[in-house]
Amino acid sequence: MMDYSTILSECKRVQGELQVANDAYYKVEYPHSVPEPVRFIEGRKWHKLDIGTSGAFMVRIDDGLVVGIKAYGVPHMKAVHGYIDKITGAQLLPRRFARANTPPIEGGI
């Protein structure tokens, strides 16, 4: 089990990796537009990783579990991606709109 400071540092690492992956995606798919910024927002029970103005992922503070969202601030517990210390931003970005019951990232659980 990870402590709070480890989860916080892993969230910031993944935020940076998500930004790099998102910038590369925009450079290929939308070469004439500006990439959306990736933001990290701390919460009481869940941390949020937002891409642009919308939510993308939520990280449970207790253990670092990364899940999708149903609505902003509402975790989608059937869209589990893995633990924050075992996945990268490049693995996470394509799963931004993953449906429920999508298998977790290989090696992420």
PDB file of N, CA and C in Angstrom:
ATOM      1  N   MET A   1       0.845  -1.186   0.000  1.00  0.00           N
ATOM      2  CA  MET A   1       0.000   0.000   0.000  1.00  0.00           C
ATOM      3  C   MET A   1       0.885   1.243   0.000  1.00  0.00           C
ATOM      4  N   MET A   2       0.542   2.179  -0.842  1.00  0.00           N
ATOM      5  CA  MET A   2       1.325   3.406  -0.968  1.00  0.00           C
ATOM      6  C   MET A   2       0.853   4.451   0.028  1.00  0.00           C
ATOM      7  N   ASP A   3       1.776   5.282   0.469  1.00  0.00           N
ATOM      8  CA  ASP A   3       1.385   6.384   1.342  1.00  0.00           C
ATOM      9  C   ASP A   3       0.983   7.592   0.499  1.00  0.00           C
ATOM     10  N   TYR A   4       0.459   8.613   1.154  1.00  0.00           N
ATOM     11  CA  TYR A   4      -0.097   9.770   0.450  1.00  0.00           C
ATOM     12  C   TYR A   4       0.942  10.477  -0.400  1.00  0.00           C
ATOM     13  N   SER A   5       2.135  10.679   0.127  1.00  0.00           N
ATOM     14  CA  SER A   5       3.154  11.419  -0.631  1.00  0.00           C
ATOM     15  C   SER A   5       3.596  10.650  -1.878  1.00  0.00           C
ATOM     16  N   THR A   6       3.639   9.328  -1.809  1.00  0.00           N
ATOM     17  CA  THR A   6       3.990   8.521  -2.980  1.00  0.00           C
ATOM     18  C   THR A   6       2.910   8.638  -4.042  1.00  0.00           C
ATOM     19  N   ILE A   7       1.656   8.544  -3.637  1.00  0.00           N
ATOM     20  CA  ILE A   7       0.549   8.672  -4.585  1.00  0.00           C
ATOM     21  C   ILE A   7       0.568  10.059  -5.226  1.00  0.00           C
ATOM     22  N   LEU A   8       0.850  11.088  -4.430  1.00  0.00           N
ATOM     23  CA  LEU A   8       0.908  12.448  -4.946  1.00  0.00           C
ATOM     24  C   LEU A   8       2.016  12.598  -5.988  1.00  0.00           C
ATOM     25  N   SER A   9       3.193  12.071  -5.689  1.00  0.00           N
ATOM     26  CA  SER A   9       4.306  12.185  -6.649  1.00  0.00           C
ATOM     27  C   SER A   9       4.042  11.356  -7.905  1.00  0.00           C
ATOM     28  N   GLU A  10       3.409  10.187  -7.764  1.00  0.00           N
ATOM     29  CA  GLU A  10       3.071   9.365  -8.935  1.00  0.00           C
ATOM     30  C   GLU A  10       2.026  10.054  -9.797  1.00  0.00           C
ATOM     31  N   CYS A  11       1.072  10.741  -9.175  1.00  0.00           N
ATOM     32  CA  CYS A  11       0.058  11.479  -9.938  1.00  0.00           C
ATOM     33  C   CYS A  11       0.714  12.578 -10.766  1.00  0.00           C
ATOM     34  N   LYS A  12       1.670  13.273 -10.169  1.00  0.00           N
ATOM     35  CA  LYS A  12       2.353  14.343 -10.895  1.00  0.00           C
ATOM     36  C   LYS A  12       3.223  13.777 -12.014  1.00  0.00           C
ATOM     37  N   ARG A  13       3.822  12.600 -11.799  1.00  0.00           N
ATOM     38  CA  ARG A  13       4.595  11.942 -12.853  1.00  0.00           C
ATOM     39  C   ARG A  13       3.680  11.585 -14.022  1.00  0.00           C
ATOM     40  N   VAL A  14       2.541  10.968 -13.710  1.00  0.00           N
ATOM     41  CA  VAL A  14       1.604  10.575 -14.763  1.00  0.00           C
ATOM     42  C   VAL A  14       1.026  11.805 -15.462  1.00  0.00           C
ATOM     43  N   GLN A  15       0.816  12.892 -14.723  1.00  0.00           N
ATOM     44  CA  GLN A  15       0.341  14.126 -15.348  1.00  0.00           C
ATOM     45  C   GLN A  15       1.326  14.591 -16.416  1.00  0.00           C
ATOM     46  N   GLY A  16       2.609  14.592 -16.100  1.00  0.00           N
ATOM     47  CA  GLY A  16       3.617  14.992 -17.076  1.00  0.00           C
ATOM     48  C   GLY A  16       3.653  14.056 -18.273  1.00  0.00           C
ATOM     49  N   GLU A  17       3.561  12.754 -18.015  1.00  0.00           N
ATOM     50  CA  GLU A  17       3.567  11.782 -19.111  1.00  0.00           C
ATOM     51  C   GLU A  17       2.320  11.904 -19.977  1.00  0.00           C
ATOM     52  N   LEU A  18       1.176  12.170 -19.342  1.00  0.00           N
ATOM     53  CA  LEU A  18      -0.061  12.387 -20.105  1.00  0.00           C
ATOM     54  C   LEU A  18       0.064  13.620 -20.992  1.00  0.00           C
ATOM     55  N   GLN A  19       0.706  14.678 -20.463  1.00  0.00           N
ATOM     56  CA  GLN A  19       0.867  15.896 -21.251  1.00  0.00           C
ATOM     57  C   GLN A  19       1.734  15.641 -22.474  1.00  0.00           C
ATOM     58  N   VAL A  20       2.823  14.897 -22.301  1.00  0.00           N
ATOM     59  CA  VAL A  20       3.703  14.574 -23.426  1.00  0.00           C
ATOM     60  C   VAL A  20       2.961  13.726 -24.458  1.00  0.00           C
ATOM     61  N   ALA A  21       2.222  12.720 -23.995  1.00  0.00           N
ATOM     62  CA  ALA A  21       1.467  11.849 -24.903  1.00  0.00           C
ATOM     63  C   ALA A  21       0.364  12.629 -25.611  1.00  0.00           C
ATOM     64  N   ASN A  22      -0.304  13.519 -24.898  1.00  0.00           N
ATOM     65  CA  ASN A  22      -1.374  14.324 -25.480  1.00  0.00           C
ATOM     66  C   ASN A  22      -0.810  15.297 -26.518  1.00  0.00           C
ATOM     67  N   ASP A  23       0.344  15.893 -26.229  1.00  0.00           N
ATOM     68  CA  ASP A  23       0.981  16.798 -27.190  1.00  0.00           C
ATOM     69  C   ASP A  23       1.339  16.055 -28.474  1.00  0.00           C
ATOM     70  N   ALA A  24       1.884  14.842 -28.334  1.00  0.00           N
ATOM     71  CA  ALA A  24       2.249  14.041 -29.506  1.00  0.00           C
ATOM     72  C   ALA A  24       1.007  13.663 -30.309  1.00  0.00           C
ATOM     73  N   TYR A  25      -0.069  13.312 -29.622  1.00  0.00           N
ATOM     74  CA  TYR A  25      -1.329  12.969 -30.294  1.00  0.00           C
ATOM     75  C   TYR A  25      -1.843  14.167 -31.101  1.00  0.00           C
ATOM     76  N   TYR A  26      -1.858  15.347 -30.487  1.00  0.00           N
ATOM     77  CA  TYR A  26      -2.340  16.542 -31.175  1.00  0.00           C
ATOM     78  C   TYR A  26      -1.462  16.907 -32.363  1.00  0.00           C
ATOM     79  N   LYS A  27      -0.157  16.694 -32.225  1.00  0.00           N
ATOM     80  CA  LYS A  27       0.754  17.025 -33.317  1.00  0.00           C
ATOM     81  C   LYS A  27       0.455  16.195 -34.562  1.00  0.00           C
ATOM     82  N   VAL A  28       0.041  14.946 -34.360  1.00  0.00           N
ATOM     83  CA  VAL A  28      -0.277  14.060 -35.479  1.00  0.00           C
ATOM     84  C   VAL A  28      -1.706  14.270 -35.989  1.00  0.00           C
ATOM     85  N   GLU A  29      -2.673  14.260 -35.085  1.00  0.00           N
ATOM     86  CA  GLU A  29      -4.085  14.297 -35.475  1.00  0.00           C
ATOM     87  C   GLU A  29      -4.611  15.698 -35.793  1.00  0.00           C
ATOM     88  N   TYR A  30      -4.139  16.690 -35.064  1.00  0.00           N
ATOM     89  CA  TYR A  30      -4.629  18.060 -35.226  1.00  0.00           C
ATOM     90  C   TYR A  30      -3.435  19.013 -35.302  1.00  0.00           C
ATOM     91  N   PRO A  31      -2.676  18.989 -36.390  1.00  0.00           N
ATOM     92  CA  PRO A  31      -1.426  19.749 -36.442  1.00  0.00           C
ATOM     93  C   PRO A  31      -1.587  21.268 -36.361  1.00  0.00           C
ATOM     94  N   HIS A  32      -2.761  21.797 -36.637  1.00  0.00           N
ATOM     95  CA  HIS A  32      -2.946  23.241 -36.629  1.00  0.00           C
ATOM     96  C   HIS A  32      -3.657  23.752 -35.381  1.00  0.00           C
ATOM     97  N   SER A  33      -3.794  22.902 -34.367  1.00  0.00           N
ATOM     98  CA  SER A  33      -4.445  23.354 -33.139  1.00  0.00           C
ATOM     99  C   SER A  33      -3.487  23.207 -31.953  1.00  0.00           C
ATOM    100  N   VAL A  34      -3.830  23.853 -30.876  1.00  0.00           N
ATOM    101  CA  VAL A  34      -3.012  23.839 -29.661  1.00  0.00           C
ATOM    102  C   VAL A  34      -3.456  22.660 -28.791  1.00  0.00           C
ATOM    103  N   PRO A  35      -2.519  21.858 -28.290  1.00  0.00           N
ATOM    104  CA  PRO A  35      -2.897  20.725 -27.420  1.00  0.00           C
ATOM    105  C   PRO A  35      -3.562  21.201 -26.131  1.00  0.00           C
ATOM    106  N   GLU A  36      -4.464  20.378 -25.646  1.00  0.00           N
ATOM    107  CA  GLU A  36      -5.141  20.697 -24.394  1.00  0.00           C
ATOM    108  C   GLU A  36      -4.182  20.475 -23.223  1.00  0.00           C
ATOM    109  N   PRO A  37      -4.231  21.326 -22.213  1.00  0.00           N
ATOM    110  CA  PRO A  37      -3.366  21.116 -21.048  1.00  0.00           C
ATOM    111  C   PRO A  37      -3.903  19.987 -20.166  1.00  0.00           C
ATOM    112  N   VAL A  38      -3.017  19.274 -19.521  1.00  0.00           N
ATOM    113  CA  VAL A  38      -3.387  18.224 -18.566  1.00  0.00           C
ATOM    114  C   VAL A  38      -3.206  18.815 -17.177  1.00  0.00           C
ATOM    115  N   ARG A  39      -4.263  18.772 -16.387  1.00  0.00           N
ATOM    116  CA  ARG A  39      -4.220  19.340 -15.036  1.00  0.00           C
ATOM    117  C   ARG A  39      -4.369  18.240 -14.000  1.00  0.00           C
ATOM    118  N   PHE A  40      -3.758  18.460 -12.844  1.00  0.00           N
ATOM    119  CA  PHE A  40      -3.889  17.564 -11.695  1.00  0.00           C
ATOM    120  C   PHE A  40      -4.545  18.355 -10.585  1.00  0.00           C
ATOM    121  N   ILE A  41      -5.645  17.827 -10.040  1.00  0.00           N
ATOM    122  CA  ILE A  41      -6.386  18.508  -8.982  1.00  0.00           C
ATOM    123  C   ILE A  41      -6.492  17.570  -7.787  1.00  0.00           C
ATOM    124  N   GLU A  42      -6.028  18.050  -6.636  1.00  0.00           N
ATOM    125  CA  GLU A  42      -6.106  17.246  -5.420  1.00  0.00           C
ATOM    126  C   GLU A  42      -7.512  17.309  -4.838  1.00  0.00           C
ATOM    127  N   GLY A  43      -7.931  16.196  -4.251  1.00  0.00           N
ATOM    128  CA  GLY A  43      -9.230  16.140  -3.598  1.00  0.00           C
ATOM    129  C   GLY A  43      -9.112  15.464  -2.246  1.00  0.00           C
ATOM    130  N   ARG A  44     -10.228  15.356  -1.533  1.00  0.00           N
ATOM    131  CA  ARG A  44     -10.216  14.723  -0.209  1.00  0.00           C
ATOM    132  C   ARG A  44     -10.155  13.209  -0.300  1.00  0.00           C
ATOM    133  N   LYS A  45     -10.914  12.618  -1.219  1.00  0.00           N
ATOM    134  CA  LYS A  45     -10.941  11.161  -1.379  1.00  0.00           C
ATOM    135  C   LYS A  45     -10.341  10.722  -2.704  1.00  0.00           C
ATOM    136  N   TRP A  46     -10.453  11.568  -3.713  1.00  0.00           N
ATOM    137  CA  TRP A  46      -9.988  11.251  -5.062  1.00  0.00           C
ATOM    138  C   TRP A  46      -9.201  12.418  -5.621  1.00  0.00           C
ATOM    139  N   HIS A  47      -8.096  12.123  -6.314  1.00  0.00           N
ATOM    140  CA  HIS A  47      -7.392  13.126  -7.103  1.00  0.00           C
ATOM    141  C   HIS A  47      -7.932  13.028  -8.520  1.00  0.00           C
ATOM    142  N   LYS A  48      -7.905  14.147  -9.236  1.00  0.00           N
ATOM    143  CA  LYS A  48      -8.441  14.175 -10.598  1.00  0.00           C
ATOM    144  C   LYS A  48      -7.332  14.502 -11.585  1.00  0.00           C
ATOM    145  N   LEU A  49      -7.330  13.827 -12.716  1.00  0.00           N
ATOM    146  CA  LEU A  49      -6.466  14.146 -13.847  1.00  0.00           C
ATOM    147  C   LEU A  49      -7.388  14.596 -14.973  1.00  0.00           C
ATOM    148  N   ASP A  50      -7.346  15.887 -15.277  1.00  0.00           N
ATOM    149  CA  ASP A  50      -8.214  16.477 -16.290  1.00  0.00           C
ATOM    150  C   ASP A  50      -7.419  16.742 -17.558  1.00  0.00           C
ATOM    151  N   ILE A  51      -8.054  16.566 -18.694  1.00  0.00           N
ATOM    152  CA  ILE A  51      -7.458  16.912 -19.978  1.00  0.00           C
ATOM    153  C   ILE A  51      -8.332  17.997 -20.586  1.00  0.00           C
ATOM    154  N   GLY A  52      -7.748  19.175 -20.759  1.00  0.00           N
ATOM    155  CA  GLY A  52      -8.523  20.321 -21.224  1.00  0.00           C
ATOM    156  C   GLY A  52      -9.496  20.761 -20.144  1.00  0.00           C
ATOM    157  N   THR A  53     -10.731  20.954 -20.540  1.00  0.00           N
ATOM    158  CA  THR A  53     -11.744  21.402 -19.580  1.00  0.00           C
ATOM    159  C   THR A  53     -12.613  20.261 -19.073  1.00  0.00           C
ATOM    160  N   SER A  54     -12.269  19.027 -19.437  1.00  0.00           N
ATOM    161  CA  SER A  54     -13.097  17.901 -18.998  1.00  0.00           C
ATOM    162  C   SER A  54     -12.281  16.938 -18.142  1.00  0.00           C
ATOM    163  N   GLY A  55     -12.975  16.206 -17.315  1.00  0.00           N
ATOM    164  CA  GLY A  55     -12.326  15.196 -16.500  1.00  0.00           C
ATOM    165  C   GLY A  55     -11.973  13.992 -17.350  1.00  0.00           C
ATOM    166  N   ALA A  56     -10.911  13.296 -16.962  1.00  0.00           N
ATOM    167  CA  ALA A  56     -10.503  12.119 -17.714  1.00  0.00           C
ATOM    168  C   ALA A  56     -10.339  10.911 -16.795  1.00  0.00           C
ATOM    169  N   PHE A  57      -9.595  11.070 -15.710  1.00  0.00           N
ATOM    170  CA  PHE A  57      -9.301   9.958 -14.808  1.00  0.00           C
ATOM    171  C   PHE A  57      -9.380  10.427 -13.369  1.00  0.00           C
ATOM    172  N   MET A  58      -9.624   9.466 -12.472  1.00  0.00           N
ATOM    173  CA  MET A  58      -9.608   9.748 -11.044  1.00  0.00           C
ATOM    174  C   MET A  58      -8.717   8.722 -10.356  1.00  0.00           C
ATOM    175  N   VAL A  59      -7.983   9.186  -9.339  1.00  0.00           N
ATOM    176  CA  VAL A  59      -7.049   8.341  -8.603  1.00  0.00           C
ATOM    177  C   VAL A  59      -7.495   8.303  -7.141  1.00  0.00           C
ATOM    178  N   ARG A  60      -7.777   7.102  -6.643  1.00  0.00           N
ATOM    179  CA  ARG A  60      -8.210   6.948  -5.250  1.00  0.00           C
ATOM    180  C   ARG A  60      -7.020   7.185  -4.328  1.00  0.00           C
ATOM    181  N   ILE A  61      -7.173   8.044  -3.344  1.00  0.00           N
ATOM    182  CA  ILE A  61      -6.084   8.423  -2.448  1.00  0.00           C
ATOM    183  C   ILE A  61      -5.666   7.263  -1.546  1.00  0.00           C
ATOM    184  N   ASP A  62      -6.591   6.393  -1.183  1.00  0.00           N
ATOM    185  CA  ASP A  62      -6.277   5.300  -0.259  1.00  0.00           C
ATOM    186  C   ASP A  62      -5.216   4.352  -0.799  1.00  0.00           C
ATOM    187  N   ASP A  63      -5.299   4.012  -2.094  1.00  0.00           N
ATOM    188  CA  ASP A  63      -4.394   2.994  -2.627  1.00  0.00           C
ATOM    189  C   ASP A  63      -3.823   3.301  -4.009  1.00  0.00           C
ATOM    190  N   GLY A  64      -4.224   4.392  -4.643  1.00  0.00           N
ATOM    191  CA  GLY A  64      -3.676   4.768  -5.945  1.00  0.00           C
ATOM    192  C   GLY A  64      -4.351   4.114  -7.136  1.00  0.00           C
ATOM    193  N   LEU A  65      -5.556   3.600  -6.957  1.00  0.00           N
ATOM    194  CA  LEU A  65      -6.291   2.978  -8.059  1.00  0.00           C
ATOM    195  C   LEU A  65      -6.760   4.044  -9.043  1.00  0.00           C
ATOM    196  N   VAL A  66      -6.507   3.830 -10.332  1.00  0.00           N
ATOM    197  CA  VAL A  66      -6.904   4.778 -11.380  1.00  0.00           C
ATOM    198  C   VAL A  66      -8.149   4.237 -12.066  1.00  0.00           C
ATOM    199  N   VAL A  67      -9.199   5.068 -12.107  1.00  0.00           N
ATOM    200  CA  VAL A  67     -10.454   4.691 -12.757  1.00  0.00           C
ATOM    201  C   VAL A  67     -10.878   5.814 -13.697  1.00  0.00           C
ATOM    202  N   GLY A  68     -11.836   5.510 -14.557  1.00  0.00           N
ATOM    203  CA  GLY A  68     -12.427   6.521 -15.423  1.00  0.00           C
ATOM    204  C   GLY A  68     -13.453   7.329 -14.637  1.00  0.00           C
ATOM    205  N   ILE A  69     -14.203   8.155 -15.338  1.00  0.00           N
ATOM    206  CA  ILE A  69     -15.228   8.952 -14.675  1.00  0.00           C
ATOM    207  C   ILE A  69     -16.579   8.720 -15.329  1.00  0.00           C
ATOM    208  N   LYS A  70     -17.644   8.840 -14.523  1.00  0.00           N
ATOM    209  CA  LYS A  70     -19.014   8.814 -15.048  1.00  0.00           C
ATOM    210  C   LYS A  70     -19.441  10.233 -15.376  1.00  0.00           C
ATOM    211  N   ALA A  71     -19.191  11.111 -14.453  1.00  0.00           N
ATOM    212  CA  ALA A  71     -19.442  12.539 -14.594  1.00  0.00           C
ATOM    213  C   ALA A  71     -18.334  13.224 -13.813  1.00  0.00           C
ATOM    214  N   TYR A  72     -18.161  14.520 -13.983  1.00  0.00           N
ATOM    215  CA  TYR A  72     -17.045  15.164 -13.315  1.00  0.00           C
ATOM    216  C   TYR A  72     -17.132  14.977 -11.801  1.00  0.00           C
ATOM    217  N   GLY A  73     -16.101  14.394 -11.221  1.00  0.00           N
ATOM    218  CA  GLY A  73     -16.054  14.153  -9.787  1.00  0.00           C
ATOM    219  C   GLY A  73     -16.713  12.859  -9.360  1.00  0.00           C
ATOM    220  N   VAL A  74     -17.209  12.074 -10.306  1.00  0.00           N
ATOM    221  CA  VAL A  74     -17.869  10.810  -9.990  1.00  0.00           C
ATOM    222  C   VAL A  74     -17.052   9.667 -10.598  1.00  0.00           C
ATOM    223  N   PRO A  75     -16.402   8.854  -9.753  1.00  0.00           N
ATOM    224  CA  PRO A  75     -15.585   7.767 -10.299  1.00  0.00           C
ATOM    225  C   PRO A  75     -16.418   6.664 -10.925  1.00  0.00           C
ATOM    226  N   HIS A  76     -15.896   6.078 -11.984  1.00  0.00           N
ATOM    227  CA  HIS A  76     -16.556   4.974 -12.685  1.00  0.00           C
ATOM    228  C   HIS A  76     -15.826   3.694 -12.280  1.00  0.00           C
ATOM    229  N   MET A  77     -16.339   3.011 -11.277  1.00  0.00           N
ATOM    230  CA  MET A  77     -15.656   1.865 -10.689  1.00  0.00           C
ATOM    231  C   MET A  77     -15.646   0.641 -11.600  1.00  0.00           C
ATOM    232  N   LYS A  78     -16.376   0.672 -12.710  1.00  0.00           N
ATOM    233  CA  LYS A  78     -16.318  -0.436 -13.670  1.00  0.00           C
ATOM    234  C   LYS A  78     -15.324  -0.160 -14.788  1.00  0.00           C
ATOM    235  N   ALA A  79     -14.703   1.010 -14.779  1.00  0.00           N
ATOM    236  CA  ALA A  79     -13.671   1.356 -15.765  1.00  0.00           C
ATOM    237  C   ALA A  79     -12.345   1.499 -15.025  1.00  0.00           C
ATOM    238  N   VAL A  80     -11.833   0.379 -14.539  1.00  0.00           N
ATOM    239  CA  VAL A  80     -10.591   0.360 -13.768  1.00  0.00           C
ATOM    240  C   VAL A  80      -9.415   0.227 -14.734  1.00  0.00           C
ATOM    241  N   HIS A  81      -8.391   1.066 -14.549  1.00  0.00           N
ATOM    242  CA  HIS A  81      -7.240   1.058 -15.440  1.00  0.00           C
ATOM    243  C   HIS A  81      -5.998   0.439 -14.794  1.00  0.00           C
ATOM    244  N   GLY A  82      -5.865   0.495 -13.493  1.00  0.00           N
ATOM    245  CA  GLY A  82      -4.706  -0.061 -12.801  1.00  0.00           C
ATOM    246  C   GLY A  82      -4.288   0.857 -11.666  1.00  0.00           C
ATOM    247  N   TYR A  83      -3.126   0.574 -11.098  1.00  0.00           N
ATOM    248  CA  TYR A  83      -2.599   1.394 -10.005  1.00  0.00           C
ATOM    249  C   TYR A  83      -1.620   2.417 -10.565  1.00  0.00           C
ATOM    250  N   ILE A  84      -1.620   3.594  -9.980  1.00  0.00           N
ATOM    251  CA  ILE A  84      -0.877   4.739 -10.504  1.00  0.00           C
ATOM    252  C   ILE A  84       0.620   4.478 -10.606  1.00  0.00           C
ATOM    253  N   ASP A  85       1.170   3.641  -9.738  1.00  0.00           N
ATOM    254  CA  ASP A  85       2.616   3.397  -9.772  1.00  0.00           C
ATOM    255  C   ASP A  85       3.012   2.339 -10.789  1.00  0.00           C
ATOM    256  N   LYS A  86       2.056   1.676 -11.415  1.00  0.00           N
ATOM    257  CA  LYS A  86       2.351   0.599 -12.349  1.00  0.00           C
ATOM    258  C   LYS A  86       1.995   0.931 -13.795  1.00  0.00           C
ATOM    259  N   ILE A  87       1.502   2.149 -14.053  1.00  0.00           N
ATOM    260  CA  ILE A  87       1.112   2.520 -15.407  1.00  0.00           C
ATOM    261  C   ILE A  87       1.778   3.839 -15.799  1.00  0.00           C
ATOM    262  N   THR A  88       1.775   4.117 -17.097  1.00  0.00           N
ATOM    263  CA  THR A  88       2.349   5.362 -17.602  1.00  0.00           C
ATOM    264  C   THR A  88       1.257   6.199 -18.266  1.00  0.00           C
ATOM    265  N   GLY A  89       1.588   7.451 -18.492  1.00  0.00           N
ATOM    266  CA  GLY A  89       0.649   8.337 -19.164  1.00  0.00           C
ATOM    267  C   GLY A  89       0.366   7.910 -20.590  1.00  0.00           C
ATOM    268  N   ALA A  90       1.379   7.360 -21.260  1.00  0.00           N
ATOM    269  CA  ALA A  90       1.186   6.896 -22.642  1.00  0.00           C
ATOM    270  C   ALA A  90       0.225   5.708 -22.700  1.00  0.00           C
ATOM    271  N   GLN A  91       0.228   4.864 -21.678  1.00  0.00           N
ATOM    272  CA  GLN A  91      -0.718   3.749 -21.624  1.00  0.00           C
ATOM    273  C   GLN A  91      -2.116   4.244 -21.283  1.00  0.00           C
ATOM    274  N   LEU A  92      -2.191   5.304 -20.508  1.00  0.00           N
ATOM    275  CA  LEU A  92      -3.473   5.793 -19.996  1.00  0.00           C
ATOM    276  C   LEU A  92      -4.237   6.631 -21.024  1.00  0.00           C
ATOM    277  N   LEU A  93      -3.553   7.432 -21.822  1.00  0.00           N
ATOM    278  CA  LEU A  93      -4.229   8.354 -22.741  1.00  0.00           C
ATOM    279  C   LEU A  93      -5.221   7.675 -23.681  1.00  0.00           C
ATOM    280  N   PRO A  94      -4.885   6.552 -24.340  1.00  0.00           N
ATOM    281  CA  PRO A  94      -5.868   5.938 -25.239  1.00  0.00           C
ATOM    282  C   PRO A  94      -7.103   5.398 -24.526  1.00  0.00           C
ATOM    283  N   ARG A  95      -7.050   5.282 -23.211  1.00  0.00           N
ATOM    284  CA  ARG A  95      -8.168   4.742 -22.444  1.00  0.00           C
ATOM    285  C   ARG A  95      -9.058   5.845 -21.866  1.00  0.00           C
ATOM    286  N   ARG A  96      -8.892   7.050 -22.375  1.00  0.00           N
ATOM    287  CA  ARG A  96      -9.658   8.190 -21.849  1.00  0.00           C
ATOM    288  C   ARG A  96     -11.164   7.964 -21.923  1.00  0.00           C
ATOM    289  N   PHE A  97     -11.637   7.350 -22.988  1.00  0.00           N
ATOM    290  CA  PHE A  97     -13.067   7.116 -23.156  1.00  0.00           C
ATOM    291  C   PHE A  97     -13.403   5.635 -23.092  1.00  0.00           C
ATOM    292  N   ALA A  98     -12.682   4.877 -22.274  1.00  0.00           N
ATOM    293  CA  ALA A  98     -12.895   3.435 -22.162  1.00  0.00           C
ATOM    294  C   ALA A  98     -14.271   3.141 -21.580  1.00  0.00           C
ATOM    295  N   ARG A  99     -14.882   2.094 -22.072  1.00  0.00           N
ATOM    296  CA  ARG A  99     -16.192   1.680 -21.588  1.00  0.00           C
ATOM    297  C   ARG A  99     -16.056   0.838 -20.322  1.00  0.00           C
ATOM    298  N   ALA A 100     -17.165   0.610 -19.690  1.00  0.00           N
ATOM    299  CA  ALA A 100     -17.186  -0.231 -18.490  1.00  0.00           C
ATOM    300  C   ALA A 100     -16.721  -1.639 -18.837  1.00  0.00           C
ATOM    301  N   ASN A 101     -16.126  -2.277 -17.877  1.00  0.00           N
ATOM    302  CA  ASN A 101     -15.649  -3.654 -17.982  1.00  0.00           C
ATOM    303  C   ASN A 101     -14.543  -3.831 -19.022  1.00  0.00           C
ATOM    304  N   THR A 102     -13.848  -2.757 -19.395  1.00  0.00           N
ATOM    305  CA  THR A 102     -12.648  -2.870 -20.218  1.00  0.00           C
ATOM    306  C   THR A 102     -11.560  -3.440 -19.314  1.00  0.00           C
ATOM    307  N   PRO A 103     -10.813  -4.428 -19.771  1.00  0.00           N
ATOM    308  CA  PRO A 103      -9.782  -4.995 -18.903  1.00  0.00           C
ATOM    309  C   PRO A 103      -8.748  -3.943 -18.508  1.00  0.00           C
ATOM    310  N   PRO A 104      -8.186  -4.044 -17.313  1.00  0.00           N
ATOM    311  CA  PRO A 104      -7.170  -3.088 -16.874  1.00  0.00           C
ATOM    312  C   PRO A 104      -5.933  -3.157 -17.775  1.00  0.00           C
ATOM    313  N   ILE A 105      -5.084  -2.145 -17.670  1.00  0.00           N
ATOM    314  CA  ILE A 105      -3.833  -2.116 -18.415  1.00  0.00           C
ATOM    315  C   ILE A 105      -2.981  -3.292 -18.000  1.00  0.00           C
ATOM    316  N   GLU A 106      -2.360  -3.946 -18.979  1.00  0.00           N
ATOM    317  CA  GLU A 106      -1.507  -5.107 -18.719  1.00  0.00           C
ATOM    318  C   GLU A 106      -0.405  -4.716 -17.732  1.00  0.00           C
ATOM    319  N   GLY A 107      -0.329  -5.426 -16.626  1.00  0.00           N
ATOM    320  CA  GLY A 107       0.675  -5.155 -15.598  1.00  0.00           C
ATOM    321  C   GLY A 107       0.278  -4.045 -14.647  1.00  0.00           C
ATOM    322  N   GLY A 108      -0.883  -3.445 -14.825  1.00  0.00           N
ATOM    323  CA  GLY A 108      -1.307  -2.316 -13.989  1.00  0.00           C
ATOM    324  C   GLY A 108      -1.988  -2.719 -12.699  1.00  0.00           C
ATOM    325  N   ILE A 109      -2.376  -3.980 -12.591  1.00  0.00           N
ATOM    326  CA  ILE A 109      -3.051  -4.442 -11.367  1.00  0.00           C
ATOM    327  C   ILE A 109      -2.146  -5.388 -10.614  1.00  0.00           C
TER     328      ILE A 109
END
